[in-house]
Amino acid sequence: MASIIGSERLGNDVILHIKMPIEDVEKLKGCMDNIHLVSEDNANIESAIYERGKKGCTKYFLIPKPLRVGVNLKGRVSCLRHDSENKKIWTYIIDNP
């Protein structure tokens, strides 16, 4: 898990100084652009996982009602998973056609 340990303004931008474990840096696989910073402290809308099939082998991540506005599911969908010591974080990226 990372922490912002400093910041400085540069016009309309902000330069962030981030402290994070080397394992998390390696997970970026050299990608240094198109990075979105999120804090799990901002995850304040409850959701659920719905299971179907034998022994719950199929799982659906439900999109909470307040977040469904303007969602067009016809675009390309990609996903990534981040495992921390005690949490699993899935991020879905939906391209708007």
PDB file of N, CA and C in Angstrom:
ATOM      1  N   MET A   1       0.841  -1.160   0.000  1.00  0.00           N
ATOM      2  CA  MET A   1       0.000   0.000   0.000  1.00  0.00           C
ATOM      3  C   MET A   1       0.894   1.233   0.000  1.00  0.00           C
ATOM      4  N   ALA A   2       0.517   2.206  -0.779  1.00  0.00           N
ATOM      5  CA  ALA A   2       1.335   3.401  -0.951  1.00  0.00           C
ATOM      6  C   ALA A   2       0.811   4.542  -0.089  1.00  0.00           C
ATOM      7  N   SER A   3       1.670   5.533   0.106  1.00  0.00           N
ATOM      8  CA  SER A   3       1.311   6.754   0.806  1.00  0.00           C
ATOM      9  C   SER A   3       1.910   7.937   0.061  1.00  0.00           C
ATOM     10  N   ILE A   4       1.168   9.031   0.017  1.00  0.00           N
ATOM     11  CA  ILE A   4       1.698  10.276  -0.539  1.00  0.00           C
ATOM     12  C   ILE A   4       2.425  10.979   0.595  1.00  0.00           C
ATOM     13  N   ILE A   5       3.732  11.167   0.416  1.00  0.00           N
ATOM     14  CA  ILE A   5       4.527  11.754   1.496  1.00  0.00           C
ATOM     15  C   ILE A   5       4.869  13.213   1.238  1.00  0.00           C
ATOM     16  N   GLY A   6       4.504  13.716   0.072  1.00  0.00           N
ATOM     17  CA  GLY A   6       4.753  15.113  -0.227  1.00  0.00           C
ATOM     18  C   GLY A   6       4.109  15.509  -1.530  1.00  0.00           C
ATOM     19  N   SER A   7       3.900  16.807  -1.687  1.00  0.00           N
ATOM     20  CA  SER A   7       3.333  17.312  -2.935  1.00  0.00           C
ATOM     21  C   SER A   7       3.787  18.743  -3.141  1.00  0.00           C
ATOM     22  N   GLU A   8       3.805  19.154  -4.403  1.00  0.00           N
ATOM     23  CA  GLU A   8       4.123  20.537  -4.725  1.00  0.00           C
ATOM     24  C   GLU A   8       3.351  20.935  -5.975  1.00  0.00           C
ATOM     25  N   ARG A   9       2.891  22.174  -5.996  1.00  0.00           N
ATOM     26  CA  ARG A   9       2.123  22.679  -7.136  1.00  0.00           C
ATOM     27  C   ARG A   9       3.055  23.109  -8.245  1.00  0.00           C
ATOM     28  N   LEU A  10       2.624  22.834  -9.449  1.00  0.00           N
ATOM     29  CA  LEU A  10       3.354  23.254 -10.642  1.00  0.00           C
ATOM     30  C   LEU A  10       2.312  23.765 -11.631  1.00  0.00           C
ATOM     31  N   GLY A  11       1.942  25.046 -11.509  1.00  0.00           N
ATOM     32  CA  GLY A  11       0.876  25.599 -12.333  1.00  0.00           C
ATOM     33  C   GLY A  11      -0.450  24.954 -11.968  1.00  0.00           C
ATOM     34  N   ASN A  12      -1.117  24.365 -12.969  1.00  0.00           N
ATOM     35  CA  ASN A  12      -2.391  23.673 -12.729  1.00  0.00           C
ATOM     36  C   ASN A  12      -2.206  22.211 -12.367  1.00  0.00           C
ATOM     37  N   ASP A  13      -0.975  21.770 -12.236  1.00  0.00           N
ATOM     38  CA  ASP A  13      -0.681  20.378 -11.910  1.00  0.00           C
ATOM     39  C   ASP A  13      -0.106  20.282 -10.502  1.00  0.00           C
ATOM     40  N   VAL A  14      -0.024  19.060 -10.015  1.00  0.00           N
ATOM     41  CA  VAL A  14       0.584  18.782  -8.715  1.00  0.00           C
ATOM     42  C   VAL A  14       1.570  17.639  -8.898  1.00  0.00           C
ATOM     43  N   ILE A  15       2.770  17.809  -8.390  1.00  0.00           N
ATOM     44  CA  ILE A  15       3.766  16.735  -8.389  1.00  0.00           C
ATOM     45  C   ILE A  15       3.643  16.009  -7.059  1.00  0.00           C
ATOM     46  N   LEU A  16       3.405  14.707  -7.108  1.00  0.00           N
ATOM     47  CA  LEU A  16       3.264  13.905  -5.894  1.00  0.00           C
ATOM     48  C   LEU A  16       4.525  13.090  -5.648  1.00  0.00           C
ATOM     49  N   HIS A  17       4.917  13.000  -4.399  1.00  0.00           N
ATOM     50  CA  HIS A  17       6.007  12.131  -3.973  1.00  0.00           C
ATOM     51  C   HIS A  17       5.348  10.953  -3.259  1.00  0.00           C
ATOM     52  N   ILE A  18       5.541   9.767  -3.825  1.00  0.00           N
ATOM     53  CA  ILE A  18       4.831   8.580  -3.346  1.00  0.00           C
ATOM     54  C   ILE A  18       5.828   7.581  -2.774  1.00  0.00           C
ATOM     55  N   LYS A  19       5.485   7.051  -1.602  1.00  0.00           N
ATOM     56  CA  LYS A  19       6.277   5.986  -0.978  1.00  0.00           C
ATOM     57  C   LYS A  19       5.457   4.707  -1.084  1.00  0.00           C
ATOM     58  N   MET A  20       6.056   3.689  -1.722  1.00  0.00           N
ATOM     59  CA  MET A  20       5.346   2.415  -1.865  1.00  0.00           C
ATOM     60  C   MET A  20       6.337   1.259  -1.882  1.00  0.00           C
ATOM     61  N   PRO A  21       5.882   0.083  -1.465  1.00  0.00           N
ATOM     62  CA  PRO A  21       6.767  -1.079  -1.470  1.00  0.00           C
ATOM     63  C   PRO A  21       7.243  -1.409  -2.882  1.00  0.00           C
ATOM     64  N   ILE A  22       8.448  -1.906  -2.998  1.00  0.00           N
ATOM     65  CA  ILE A  22       9.040  -2.234  -4.299  1.00  0.00           C
ATOM     66  C   ILE A  22       8.178  -3.243  -5.063  1.00  0.00           C
ATOM     67  N   GLU A  23       7.484  -4.141  -4.338  1.00  0.00           N
ATOM     68  CA  GLU A  23       6.624  -5.134  -4.996  1.00  0.00           C
ATOM     69  C   GLU A  23       5.512  -4.445  -5.774  1.00  0.00           C
ATOM     70  N   ASP A  24       4.963  -3.356  -5.223  1.00  0.00           N
ATOM     71  CA  ASP A  24       3.900  -2.632  -5.915  1.00  0.00           C
ATOM     72  C   ASP A  24       4.440  -1.889  -7.132  1.00  0.00           C
ATOM     73  N   VAL A  25       5.647  -1.373  -7.033  1.00  0.00           N
ATOM     74  CA  VAL A  25       6.275  -0.713  -8.175  1.00  0.00           C
ATOM     75  C   VAL A  25       6.505  -1.732  -9.288  1.00  0.00           C
ATOM     76  N   GLU A  26       6.953  -2.923  -8.942  1.00  0.00           N
ATOM     77  CA  GLU A  26       7.198  -3.969  -9.944  1.00  0.00           C
ATOM     78  C   GLU A  26       5.911  -4.390 -10.640  1.00  0.00           C
ATOM     79  N   LYS A  27       4.763  -4.307  -9.942  1.00  0.00           N
ATOM     80  CA  LYS A  27       3.487  -4.673 -10.558  1.00  0.00           C
ATOM     81  C   LYS A  27       3.095  -3.718 -11.679  1.00  0.00           C
ATOM     82  N   LEU A  28       3.672  -2.514 -11.700  1.00  0.00           N
ATOM     83  CA  LEU A  28       3.409  -1.577 -12.796  1.00  0.00           C
ATOM     84  C   LEU A  28       4.051  -2.035 -14.107  1.00  0.00           C
ATOM     85  N   LYS A  29       5.002  -2.953 -14.022  1.00  0.00           N
ATOM     86  CA  LYS A  29       5.682  -3.530 -15.187  1.00  0.00           C
ATOM     87  C   LYS A  29       6.238  -2.450 -16.115  1.00  0.00           C
ATOM     88  N   GLY A  30       6.767  -1.399 -15.522  1.00  0.00           N
ATOM     89  CA  GLY A  30       7.384  -0.344 -16.308  1.00  0.00           C
ATOM     90  C   GLY A  30       6.425   0.693 -16.865  1.00  0.00           C
ATOM     91  N   CYS A  31       5.123   0.511 -16.682  1.00  0.00           N
ATOM     92  CA  CYS A  31       4.140   1.484 -17.185  1.00  0.00           C
ATOM     93  C   CYS A  31       4.131   2.705 -16.277  1.00  0.00           C
ATOM     94  N   MET A  32       4.434   3.848 -16.840  1.00  0.00           N
ATOM     95  CA  MET A  32       4.497   5.075 -16.052  1.00  0.00           C
ATOM     96  C   MET A  32       3.472   6.115 -16.489  1.00  0.00           C
ATOM     97  N   ASP A  33       2.593   5.778 -17.429  1.00  0.00           N
ATOM     98  CA  ASP A  33       1.546   6.690 -17.900  1.00  0.00           C
ATOM     99  C   ASP A  33       0.183   6.056 -17.648  1.00  0.00           C
ATOM    100  N   ASN A  34      -0.850   6.888 -17.733  1.00  0.00           N
ATOM    101  CA  ASN A  34      -2.237   6.437 -17.539  1.00  0.00           C
ATOM    102  C   ASN A  34      -2.433   5.747 -16.194  1.00  0.00           C
ATOM    103  N   ILE A  35      -1.895   6.336 -15.163  1.00  0.00           N
ATOM    104  CA  ILE A  35      -2.015   5.806 -13.799  1.00  0.00           C
ATOM    105  C   ILE A  35      -3.117   6.574 -13.080  1.00  0.00           C
ATOM    106  N   HIS A  36      -4.020   5.857 -12.451  1.00  0.00           N
ATOM    107  CA  HIS A  36      -5.093   6.453 -11.669  1.00  0.00           C
ATOM    108  C   HIS A  36      -4.837   6.131 -10.199  1.00  0.00           C
ATOM    109  N   LEU A  37      -4.799   7.152  -9.376  1.00  0.00           N
ATOM    110  CA  LEU A  37      -4.602   6.952  -7.949  1.00  0.00           C
ATOM    111  C   LEU A  37      -5.957   6.880  -7.265  1.00  0.00           C
ATOM    112  N   VAL A  38      -6.171   5.860  -6.473  1.00  0.00           N
ATOM    113  CA  VAL A  38      -7.413   5.725  -5.705  1.00  0.00           C
ATOM    114  C   VAL A  38      -7.050   5.382  -4.268  1.00  0.00           C
ATOM    115  N   SER A  39      -7.920   5.758  -3.377  1.00  0.00           N
ATOM    116  CA  SER A  39      -7.740   5.427  -1.970  1.00  0.00           C
ATOM    117  C   SER A  39      -8.894   4.532  -1.543  1.00  0.00           C
ATOM    118  N   GLU A  40      -8.594   3.439  -0.889  1.00  0.00           N
ATOM    119  CA  GLU A  40      -9.676   2.566  -0.425  1.00  0.00           C
ATOM    120  C   GLU A  40     -10.521   3.266   0.634  1.00  0.00           C
ATOM    121  N   ASP A  41     -10.023   4.347   1.217  1.00  0.00           N
ATOM    122  CA  ASP A  41     -10.814   5.120   2.180  1.00  0.00           C
ATOM    123  C   ASP A  41     -11.987   5.825   1.498  1.00  0.00           C
ATOM    124  N   ASN A  42     -11.941   5.977   0.166  1.00  0.00           N
ATOM    125  CA  ASN A  42     -13.033   6.606  -0.574  1.00  0.00           C
ATOM    126  C   ASN A  42     -14.099   5.611  -1.011  1.00  0.00           C
ATOM    127  N   ALA A  43     -13.902   4.340  -0.766  1.00  0.00           N
ATOM    128  CA  ALA A  43     -14.877   3.313  -1.151  1.00  0.00           C
ATOM    129  C   ALA A  43     -15.986   3.283  -0.109  1.00  0.00           C
ATOM    130  N   ASN A  44     -16.954   4.198  -0.256  1.00  0.00           N
ATOM    131  CA  ASN A  44     -17.984   4.343   0.770  1.00  0.00           C
ATOM    132  C   ASN A  44     -19.379   3.935   0.301  1.00  0.00           C
ATOM    133  N   ILE A  45     -19.485   3.322  -0.868  1.00  0.00           N
ATOM    134  CA  ILE A  45     -20.766   2.829  -1.368  1.00  0.00           C
ATOM    135  C   ILE A  45     -20.745   1.305  -1.279  1.00  0.00           C
ATOM    136  N   GLU A  46     -21.716   0.759  -0.546  1.00  0.00           N
ATOM    137  CA  GLU A  46     -21.778  -0.693  -0.372  1.00  0.00           C
ATOM    138  C   GLU A  46     -22.148  -1.382  -1.679  1.00  0.00           C
ATOM    139  N   SER A  47     -21.599  -2.557  -1.903  1.00  0.00           N
ATOM    140  CA  SER A  47     -21.920  -3.361  -3.058  1.00  0.00           C
ATOM    141  C   SER A  47     -21.937  -4.821  -2.626  1.00  0.00           C
ATOM    142  N   ALA A  48     -22.044  -5.715  -3.573  1.00  0.00           N
ATOM    143  CA  ALA A  48     -22.102  -7.138  -3.240  1.00  0.00           C
ATOM    144  C   ALA A  48     -21.592  -7.962  -4.410  1.00  0.00           C
ATOM    145  N   ILE A  49     -21.318  -9.213  -4.118  1.00  0.00           N
ATOM    146  CA  ILE A  49     -20.954 -10.191  -5.142  1.00  0.00           C
ATOM    147  C   ILE A  49     -22.065 -11.223  -5.165  1.00  0.00           C
ATOM    148  N   TYR A  50     -22.599 -11.479  -6.340  1.00  0.00           N
ATOM    149  CA  TYR A  50     -23.700 -12.414  -6.525  1.00  0.00           C
ATOM    150  C   TYR A  50     -23.136 -13.708  -7.076  1.00  0.00           C
ATOM    151  N   GLU A  51     -23.508 -14.845  -6.484  1.00  0.00           N
ATOM    152  CA  GLU A  51     -23.000 -16.148  -6.922  1.00  0.00           C
ATOM    153  C   GLU A  51     -24.102 -16.954  -7.573  1.00  0.00           C
ATOM    154  N   ARG A  52     -23.740 -17.656  -8.644  1.00  0.00           N
ATOM    155  CA  ARG A  52     -24.670 -18.535  -9.350  1.00  0.00           C
ATOM    156  C   ARG A  52     -23.945 -19.828  -9.687  1.00  0.00           C
ATOM    157  N   GLY A  53     -24.705 -20.825 -10.071  1.00  0.00           N
ATOM    158  CA  GLY A  53     -24.122 -22.079 -10.533  1.00  0.00           C
ATOM    159  C   GLY A  53     -23.775 -23.021  -9.397  1.00  0.00           C
ATOM    160  N   LYS A  54     -23.232 -24.166  -9.792  1.00  0.00           N
ATOM    161  CA  LYS A  54     -22.854 -25.180  -8.812  1.00  0.00           C
ATOM    162  C   LYS A  54     -21.773 -24.649  -7.881  1.00  0.00           C
ATOM    163  N   LYS A  55     -22.027 -24.721  -6.607  1.00  0.00           N
ATOM    164  CA  LYS A  55     -21.077 -24.303  -5.571  1.00  0.00           C
ATOM    165  C   LYS A  55     -20.613 -22.862  -5.756  1.00  0.00           C
ATOM    166  N   GLY A  56     -21.462 -22.018  -6.357  1.00  0.00           N
ATOM    167  CA  GLY A  56     -21.134 -20.607  -6.529  1.00  0.00           C
ATOM    168  C   GLY A  56     -19.944 -20.355  -7.428  1.00  0.00           C
ATOM    169  N   CYS A  57     -19.783 -21.198  -8.467  1.00  0.00           N
ATOM    170  CA  CYS A  57     -18.600 -21.095  -9.318  1.00  0.00           C
ATOM    171  C   CYS A  57     -18.607 -19.858 -10.220  1.00  0.00           C
ATOM    172  N   THR A  58     -19.790 -19.261 -10.467  1.00  0.00           N
ATOM    173  CA  THR A  58     -19.859 -18.036 -11.249  1.00  0.00           C
ATOM    174  C   THR A  58     -20.162 -16.882 -10.315  1.00  0.00           C
ATOM    175  N   LYS A  59     -19.353 -15.828 -10.381  1.00  0.00           N
ATOM    176  CA  LYS A  59     -19.528 -14.688  -9.501  1.00  0.00           C
ATOM    177  C   LYS A  59     -19.730 -13.420 -10.322  1.00  0.00           C
ATOM    178  N   TYR A  60     -20.642 -12.578  -9.871  1.00  0.00           N
ATOM    179  CA  TYR A  60     -20.939 -11.308 -10.524  1.00  0.00           C
ATOM    180  C   TYR A  60     -20.677 -10.177  -9.543  1.00  0.00           C
ATOM    181  N   PHE A  61     -19.917  -9.184  -9.972  1.00  0.00           N
ATOM    182  CA  PHE A  61     -19.737  -7.979  -9.178  1.00  0.00           C
ATOM    183  C   PHE A  61     -20.896  -7.049  -9.518  1.00  0.00           C
ATOM    184  N   LEU A  62     -21.693  -6.699  -8.541  1.00  0.00           N
ATOM    185  CA  LEU A  62     -22.854  -5.854  -8.783  1.00  0.00           C
ATOM    186  C   LEU A  62     -22.446  -4.381  -8.773  1.00  0.00           C
ATOM    187  N   ILE A  63     -22.955  -3.628  -9.751  1.00  0.00           N
ATOM    188  CA  ILE A  63     -22.708  -2.185  -9.805  1.00  0.00           C
ATOM    189  C   ILE A  63     -23.795  -1.524  -8.966  1.00  0.00           C
ATOM    190  N   PRO A  64     -23.427  -0.807  -7.901  1.00  0.00           N
ATOM    191  CA  PRO A  64     -24.441  -0.161  -7.061  1.00  0.00           C
ATOM    192  C   PRO A  64     -25.259   0.857  -7.863  1.00  0.00           C
ATOM    193  N   LYS A  65     -26.536   1.022  -7.519  1.00  0.00           N
ATOM    194  CA  LYS A  65     -27.435   1.921  -8.244  1.00  0.00           C
ATOM    195  C   LYS A  65     -26.874   3.329  -8.415  1.00  0.00           C
ATOM    196  N   PRO A  66     -26.283   3.939  -7.380  1.00  0.00           N
ATOM    197  CA  PRO A  66     -25.788   5.307  -7.581  1.00  0.00           C
ATOM    198  C   PRO A  66     -24.668   5.408  -8.626  1.00  0.00           C
ATOM    199  N   LEU A  67     -24.006   4.308  -8.940  1.00  0.00           N
ATOM    200  CA  LEU A  67     -22.889   4.330  -9.889  1.00  0.00           C
ATOM    201  C   LEU A  67     -23.285   3.880 -11.295  1.00  0.00           C
ATOM    202  N   ARG A  68     -24.533   3.495 -11.506  1.00  0.00           N
ATOM    203  CA  ARG A  68     -24.977   2.987 -12.808  1.00  0.00           C
ATOM    204  C   ARG A  68     -25.262   4.084 -13.830  1.00  0.00           C
ATOM    205  N   VAL A  69     -25.420   5.298 -13.390  1.00  0.00           N
ATOM    206  CA  VAL A  69     -25.777   6.402 -14.290  1.00  0.00           C
ATOM    207  C   VAL A  69     -24.680   6.599 -15.330  1.00  0.00           C
ATOM    208  N   GLY A  70     -25.076   6.588 -16.589  1.00  0.00           N
ATOM    209  CA  GLY A  70     -24.137   6.842 -17.677  1.00  0.00           C
ATOM    210  C   GLY A  70     -23.218   5.688 -18.014  1.00  0.00           C
ATOM    211  N   VAL A  71     -23.471   4.499 -17.477  1.00  0.00           N
ATOM    212  CA  VAL A  71     -22.617   3.350 -17.778  1.00  0.00           C
ATOM    213  C   VAL A  71     -23.092   2.706 -19.066  1.00  0.00           C
ATOM    214  N   ASN A  72     -22.207   2.659 -20.057  1.00  0.00           N
ATOM    215  CA  ASN A  72     -22.493   2.027 -21.335  1.00  0.00           C
ATOM    216  C   ASN A  72     -21.639   0.760 -21.398  1.00  0.00           C
ATOM    217  N   LEU A  73     -22.275  -0.377 -21.277  1.00  0.00           N
ATOM    218  CA  LEU A  73     -21.543  -1.640 -21.220  1.00  0.00           C
ATOM    219  C   LEU A  73     -21.246  -2.226 -22.592  1.00  0.00           C
ATOM    220  N   LYS A  74     -21.374  -1.435 -23.650  1.00  0.00           N
ATOM    221  CA  LYS A  74     -21.109  -1.939 -24.992  1.00  0.00           C
ATOM    222  C   LYS A  74     -19.656  -1.759 -25.396  1.00  0.00           C
ATOM    223  N   GLY A  75     -18.887  -1.053 -24.592  1.00  0.00           N
ATOM    224  CA  GLY A  75     -17.478  -0.845 -24.906  1.00  0.00           C
ATOM    225  C   GLY A  75     -16.627  -2.029 -24.464  1.00  0.00           C
ATOM    226  N   ARG A  76     -15.371  -1.968 -24.806  1.00  0.00           N
ATOM    227  CA  ARG A  76     -14.408  -2.998 -24.398  1.00  0.00           C
ATOM    228  C   ARG A  76     -14.236  -2.933 -22.881  1.00  0.00           C
ATOM    229  N   VAL A  77     -14.221  -4.077 -22.225  1.00  0.00           N
ATOM    230  CA  VAL A  77     -14.052  -4.147 -20.782  1.00  0.00           C
ATOM    231  C   VAL A  77     -12.769  -4.897 -20.472  1.00  0.00           C
ATOM    232  N   SER A  78     -11.934  -4.295 -19.640  1.00  0.00           N
ATOM    233  CA  SER A  78     -10.728  -4.985 -19.174  1.00  0.00           C
ATOM    234  C   SER A  78     -10.704  -4.920 -17.655  1.00  0.00           C
ATOM    235  N   CYS A  79      -9.907  -5.761 -17.055  1.00  0.00           N
ATOM    236  CA  CYS A  79      -9.906  -5.879 -15.599  1.00  0.00           C
ATOM    237  C   CYS A  79      -8.491  -6.125 -15.106  1.00  0.00           C
ATOM    238  N   LEU A  80      -8.214  -5.628 -13.911  1.00  0.00           N
ATOM    239  CA  LEU A  80      -6.968  -5.984 -13.250  1.00  0.00           C
ATOM    240  C   LEU A  80      -7.247  -6.222 -11.775  1.00  0.00           C
ATOM    241  N   ARG A  81      -6.392  -7.001 -11.161  1.00  0.00           N
ATOM    242  CA  ARG A  81      -6.563  -7.369  -9.752  1.00  0.00           C
ATOM    243  C   ARG A  81      -5.298  -7.046  -8.997  1.00  0.00           C
ATOM    244  N   HIS A  82      -5.469  -6.450  -7.835  1.00  0.00           N
ATOM    245  CA  HIS A  82      -4.340  -6.122  -6.966  1.00  0.00           C
ATOM    246  C   HIS A  82      -4.569  -6.819  -5.639  1.00  0.00           C
ATOM    247  N   ASP A  83      -3.623  -7.628  -5.221  1.00  0.00           N
ATOM    248  CA  ASP A  83      -3.707  -8.316  -3.934  1.00  0.00           C
ATOM    249  C   ASP A  83      -2.786  -7.639  -2.942  1.00  0.00           C
ATOM    250  N   SER A  84      -3.342  -7.234  -1.815  1.00  0.00           N
ATOM    251  CA  SER A  84      -2.517  -6.726  -0.729  1.00  0.00           C
ATOM    252  C   SER A  84      -2.521  -7.780   0.374  1.00  0.00           C
ATOM    253  N   GLU A  85      -1.931  -7.443   1.482  1.00  0.00           N
ATOM    254  CA  GLU A  85      -1.792  -8.429   2.552  1.00  0.00           C
ATOM    255  C   GLU A  85      -3.141  -8.970   3.027  1.00  0.00           C
ATOM    256  N   ASN A  86      -4.138  -8.094   3.135  1.00  0.00           N
ATOM    257  CA  ASN A  86      -5.418  -8.551   3.678  1.00  0.00           C
ATOM    258  C   ASN A  86      -6.626  -8.148   2.826  1.00  0.00           C
ATOM    259  N   LYS A  87      -6.392  -7.662   1.585  1.00  0.00           N
ATOM    260  CA  LYS A  87      -7.497  -7.260   0.719  1.00  0.00           C
ATOM    261  C   LYS A  87      -7.194  -7.615  -0.723  1.00  0.00           C
ATOM    262  N   LYS A  88      -8.273  -7.776  -1.487  1.00  0.00           N
ATOM    263  CA  LYS A  88      -8.168  -7.987  -2.922  1.00  0.00           C
ATOM    264  C   LYS A  88      -8.950  -6.859  -3.580  1.00  0.00           C
ATOM    265  N   ILE A  89      -8.334  -6.204  -4.557  1.00  0.00           N
ATOM    266  CA  ILE A  89      -8.954  -5.056  -5.216  1.00  0.00           C
ATOM    267  C   ILE A  89      -9.047  -5.349  -6.707  1.00  0.00           C
ATOM    268  N   TRP A  90     -10.278  -5.299  -7.238  1.00  0.00           N
ATOM    269  CA  TRP A  90     -10.504  -5.463  -8.667  1.00  0.00           C
ATOM    270  C   TRP A  90     -10.847  -4.106  -9.247  1.00  0.00           C
ATOM    271  N   THR A  91     -10.287  -3.813 -10.402  1.00  0.00           N
ATOM    272  CA  THR A  91     -10.592  -2.574 -11.107  1.00  0.00           C
ATOM    273  C   THR A  91     -11.039  -2.945 -12.512  1.00  0.00           C
ATOM    274  N   TYR A  92     -12.213  -2.462 -12.892  1.00  0.00           N
ATOM    275  CA  TYR A  92     -12.737  -2.693 -14.231  1.00  0.00           C
ATOM    276  C   TYR A  92     -12.627  -1.407 -15.030  1.00  0.00           C
ATOM    277  N   ILE A  93     -12.166  -1.510 -16.257  1.00  0.00           N
ATOM    278  CA  ILE A  93     -12.020  -0.366 -17.136  1.00  0.00           C
ATOM    279  C   ILE A  93     -12.932  -0.593 -18.336  1.00  0.00           C
ATOM    280  N   ILE A  94     -13.910   0.312 -18.520  1.00  0.00           N
ATOM    281  CA  ILE A  94     -14.885   0.183 -19.587  1.00  0.00           C
ATOM    282  C   ILE A  94     -14.667   1.340 -20.560  1.00  0.00           C
ATOM    283  N   ASP A  95     -14.328   1.024 -21.796  1.00  0.00           N
ATOM    284  CA  ASP A  95     -14.165   2.043 -22.823  1.00  0.00           C
ATOM    285  C   ASP A  95     -15.537   2.509 -23.278  1.00  0.00           C
ATOM    286  N   ASN A  96     -15.745   3.810 -23.330  1.00  0.00           N
ATOM    287  CA  ASN A  96     -16.999   4.359 -23.860  1.00  0.00           C
ATOM    288  C   ASN A  96     -16.848   4.536 -25.366  1.00  0.00           C
ATOM    289  N   PRO A  97     -17.638   3.764 -26.153  1.00  0.00           N
ATOM    290  CA  PRO A  97     -17.517   3.866 -27.621  1.00  0.00           C
ATOM    291  C   PRO A  97     -18.040   5.192 -28.142  1.00  0.00           C
TER     292      PRO A  97
END
